[in-house]
Protein backbone atom coordinates (compact mmCIF):
# COMPACT_ATOMS: atom_id res chain seq x y z
CA MET A 1 79.56 137.95 178.73
CA ILE A 2 77.49 136.47 175.90
CA VAL A 3 74.52 134.24 176.82
CA VAL A 4 72.93 131.99 174.23
CA THR A 5 69.74 129.97 174.40
CA SER A 6 68.89 127.48 171.68
CA LYS A 7 65.54 125.75 172.03
CA PHE A 8 64.32 123.03 169.68
CA ARG A 9 61.97 120.08 169.48
CA ALA A 10 62.71 116.45 168.77
CA LYS A 11 60.42 114.22 166.79
CA PRO A 12 58.33 112.08 169.16
CA GLY A 13 60.42 109.43 170.87
CA LYS A 14 63.75 110.91 169.67
CA ARG A 15 64.68 113.34 172.45
CA ASP A 16 66.98 110.90 174.25
CA LYS A 17 68.71 110.06 170.95
CA ILE A 18 69.41 113.75 170.36
CA ALA A 19 70.81 114.08 173.88
CA GLU A 20 73.08 111.08 173.17
CA LEU A 21 74.24 112.59 169.88
CA ALA A 22 74.95 115.90 171.64
CA ARG A 23 77.40 114.41 174.17
CA PRO A 24 80.54 114.55 171.96
CA CYS A 25 79.71 118.11 170.86
CA ILE A 26 79.19 119.18 174.47
CA ASP A 27 82.48 117.62 175.57
CA VAL A 28 84.48 119.40 172.84
CA THR A 29 82.67 122.71 173.24
CA ARG A 30 83.35 122.90 176.98
CA LYS A 31 87.09 122.88 176.17
CA GLU A 32 86.86 125.72 173.64
CA THR A 33 88.44 129.07 174.31
CA GLY A 34 85.88 131.43 175.80
CA CYS A 35 83.33 128.80 176.80
CA LEU A 36 82.14 129.39 180.37
CA ARG A 37 79.06 127.15 180.29
CA TYR A 38 77.52 124.80 177.74
CA GLU A 39 74.64 122.66 178.94
CA LEU A 40 71.77 120.77 177.38
CA PHE A 41 68.48 120.61 179.27
CA LEU A 42 65.55 118.29 178.64
CA SER A 43 62.14 119.76 179.39
CA SER A 44 60.30 118.42 182.42
CA GLU A 45 57.01 119.57 180.84
CA ASP A 46 57.08 117.41 177.70
CA ASP A 47 59.15 114.69 176.07
CA VAL A 48 60.24 116.56 172.92
CA THR A 49 61.75 119.90 173.98
CA LEU A 50 65.50 120.44 174.48
CA GLN A 51 67.40 123.63 175.20
CA PHE A 52 71.05 124.57 175.22
CA ILE A 53 72.14 127.27 177.65
CA GLU A 54 75.55 128.71 176.82
CA GLU A 55 77.80 131.37 178.31
CA TRP A 56 80.78 132.77 176.42
CA THR A 57 83.40 135.31 177.42
CA ASP A 58 83.00 137.20 174.14
CA LEU A 59 81.30 137.21 170.75
CA ASP A 60 84.44 136.14 168.88
CA SER A 61 84.58 132.92 170.92
CA LEU A 62 80.95 132.20 170.10
CA ARG A 63 81.57 132.87 166.40
CA ALA A 64 84.51 130.44 166.43
CA HIS A 65 82.31 127.82 168.11
CA LEU A 66 79.61 128.21 165.48
CA LYS A 67 82.19 127.38 162.78
CA GLY A 68 83.39 124.23 164.57
CA ALA A 69 83.35 120.84 162.88
CA HIS A 70 81.93 119.19 166.02
CA LEU A 71 78.86 121.46 165.90
CA ALA A 72 78.35 120.78 162.18
CA THR A 73 78.62 117.05 162.85
CA PHE A 74 76.01 117.24 165.61
CA LYS A 75 73.61 119.29 163.47
CA GLU A 76 73.95 116.82 160.60
CA ALA A 77 73.41 113.81 162.87
CA ARG A 78 70.21 115.21 164.34
CA LYS A 79 68.67 116.73 161.20
CA ASP A 80 66.20 113.90 160.56
CA ILE A 81 65.03 113.61 164.17
CA VAL A 82 64.47 117.30 164.95
CA ASP A 83 60.86 118.33 164.48
CA GLU A 84 61.47 122.00 163.80
CA GLY A 85 64.26 124.55 163.63
CA ALA A 86 65.91 125.95 166.71
CA ILE A 87 64.88 129.21 168.30
CA LEU A 88 68.23 130.88 168.88
CA LYS A 89 68.58 133.92 171.14
CA ILE A 90 71.85 135.71 171.87
CA PHE A 91 72.22 138.20 174.72
CA GLU A 92 74.99 140.41 176.01
CA ALA A 93 74.92 140.27 179.79
CA LYS A 94 76.72 142.03 182.61
CA GLU A 95 76.80 141.17 186.27
CA ILE A 96 74.98 143.50 188.62
CA SER A 97 74.55 143.70 192.36
CA LEU A 98 71.27 143.81 194.23
CA ALA A 99 72.90 145.68 197.10
């Protein structure tokens, strides 16, 4: 499984607008092949931080997602209200047992 975190900051007062702009992208992404989880979280510690948490079955599915028109549309729509670039981290994970 591939796990992705993408953390970024909105310009002051724009976090809710970014969350609104993300909704169509989230809806389409959740239907993509290989998408197990795609969620946007708003920080409870400040009013500017947002973070996507994603889970994908494989790297090829993630690569296809990154080329999607819906993602490009979302990035373009938010470009003037994001304060800084995203911190993107990609992990390969496997399930383990504590037993």
